[in-house]
Amino acid sequence: MDRLINLREEKVLSQRELARMAGLTHTTVWRLEHGREARPGTIRKVASVLGVEPRDLLKRAG
């Protein structure tokens, strides 16, 4: 998810920092950023930390 990477970098967060703040593992964030499927609850947690709606994470960057 290119959008996830861009949003994370805008917040100046590492994958590990985002994972900790969302209550996830670093591996889960890495998988999300590399296009692996995720459970809706996982996407909601990440979106909440980044201050966006879950659907915003699914949009292509640009």
C-alpha atoms as a PDB file:
ATOM      1  CA  MET A   1       0.000   0.000   0.000  1.00  0.00           C
ATOM      2  CA  ASP A   2       1.842   3.013  -1.271  1.00  0.00           C
ATOM      3  CA  ARG A   3      -0.628   5.264   0.513  1.00  0.00           C
ATOM      4  CA  LEU A   4       0.212   3.701   3.867  1.00  0.00           C
ATOM      5  CA  ILE A   5       3.924   4.296   3.357  1.00  0.00           C
ATOM      6  CA  ASN A   6       3.329   7.926   2.395  1.00  0.00           C
ATOM      7  CA  LEU A   7       1.062   8.569   5.373  1.00  0.00           C
ATOM      8  CA  ARG A   8       3.492   6.899   7.765  1.00  0.00           C
ATOM      9  CA  GLU A   9       6.399   8.923   6.419  1.00  0.00           C
ATOM     10  CA  GLU A  10       4.370  12.159   6.640  1.00  0.00           C
ATOM     11  CA  LYS A  11       3.960  11.445  10.360  1.00  0.00           C
ATOM     12  CA  VAL A  12       7.716  10.716  10.571  1.00  0.00           C
ATOM     13  CA  LEU A  13       7.112   7.244  11.979  1.00  0.00           C
ATOM     14  CA  SER A  14       9.157   4.130  11.441  1.00  0.00           C
ATOM     15  CA  GLN A  15       7.389   0.842  10.806  1.00  0.00           C
ATOM     16  CA  ARG A  16       8.253  -0.195  14.354  1.00  0.00           C
ATOM     17  CA  GLU A  17       6.853   3.012  15.853  1.00  0.00           C
ATOM     18  CA  LEU A  18       3.614   2.692  13.898  1.00  0.00           C
ATOM     19  CA  ALA A  19       3.311  -0.946  14.916  1.00  0.00           C
ATOM     20  CA  ARG A  20       3.825  -0.128  18.593  1.00  0.00           C
ATOM     21  CA  MET A  21       1.295   2.708  18.515  1.00  0.00           C
ATOM     22  CA  ALA A  22      -1.289   0.516  16.754  1.00  0.00           C
ATOM     23  CA  GLY A  23      -0.704  -2.495  18.995  1.00  0.00           C
ATOM     24  CA  LEU A  24       0.608  -4.577  16.111  1.00  0.00           C
ATOM     25  CA  THR A  25       3.860  -6.273  15.236  1.00  0.00           C
ATOM     26  CA  HIS A  26       6.476  -4.717  12.984  1.00  0.00           C
ATOM     27  CA  THR A  27       5.976  -7.665  10.645  1.00  0.00           C
ATOM     28  CA  THR A  28       2.282  -6.870  10.290  1.00  0.00           C
ATOM     29  CA  VAL A  29       3.043  -3.277   9.251  1.00  0.00           C
ATOM     30  CA  TRP A  30       5.674  -4.516   6.794  1.00  0.00           C
ATOM     31  CA  ARG A  31       3.169  -6.935   5.281  1.00  0.00           C
ATOM     32  CA  LEU A  32       0.561  -4.194   4.922  1.00  0.00           C
ATOM     33  CA  GLU A  33       3.043  -1.927   3.205  1.00  0.00           C
ATOM     34  CA  HIS A  34       3.949  -4.701   0.794  1.00  0.00           C
ATOM     35  CA  GLY A  35       0.383  -5.367  -0.266  1.00  0.00           C
ATOM     36  CA  ARG A  36      -0.463  -8.399   1.820  1.00  0.00           C
ATOM     37  CA  GLU A  37      -4.080  -8.764   2.853  1.00  0.00           C
ATOM     38  CA  ALA A  38      -5.081  -7.576   6.290  1.00  0.00           C
ATOM     39  CA  ARG A  39      -8.035  -7.996   8.562  1.00  0.00           C
ATOM     40  CA  PRO A  40     -10.400  -5.027   8.773  1.00  0.00           C
ATOM     41  CA  GLY A  41      -9.536  -4.545  12.451  1.00  0.00           C
ATOM     42  CA  THR A  42      -5.859  -4.239  11.617  1.00  0.00           C
ATOM     43  CA  ILE A  43      -6.548  -1.615   8.979  1.00  0.00           C
ATOM     44  CA  ARG A  44      -8.746   0.296  11.446  1.00  0.00           C
ATOM     45  CA  LYS A  45      -5.952   0.323  14.054  1.00  0.00           C
ATOM     46  CA  VAL A  46      -3.399   1.673  11.595  1.00  0.00           C
ATOM     47  CA  ALA A  47      -5.820   4.259  10.224  1.00  0.00           C
ATOM     48  CA  SER A  48      -6.605   5.468  13.721  1.00  0.00           C
ATOM     49  CA  VAL A  49      -2.933   6.039  14.536  1.00  0.00           C
ATOM     50  CA  LEU A  50      -2.421   7.878  11.237  1.00  0.00           C
ATOM     51  CA  GLY A  51      -5.546   9.991  11.699  1.00  0.00           C
ATOM     52  CA  VAL A  52      -7.306   8.844   8.537  1.00  0.00           C
ATOM     53  CA  GLU A  53     -10.295   6.750   7.589  1.00  0.00           C
ATOM     54  CA  PRO A  54      -9.572   3.078   6.838  1.00  0.00           C
ATOM     55  CA  ARG A  55     -10.690   3.569   3.231  1.00  0.00           C
ATOM     56  CA  ASP A  56      -7.961   6.207   2.840  1.00  0.00           C
ATOM     57  CA  LEU A  57      -5.323   3.521   3.377  1.00  0.00           C
ATOM     58  CA  LEU A  58      -6.685   1.560   0.454  1.00  0.00           C
ATOM     59  CA  LYS A  59      -6.305   4.449  -2.013  1.00  0.00           C
ATOM     60  CA  ARG A  60      -3.312   4.569  -4.323  1.00  0.00           C
ATOM     61  CA  ALA A  61      -0.750   7.243  -3.607  1.00  0.00           C
ATOM     62  CA  GLY A  62      -0.656  10.161  -5.932  1.00  0.00           C
END
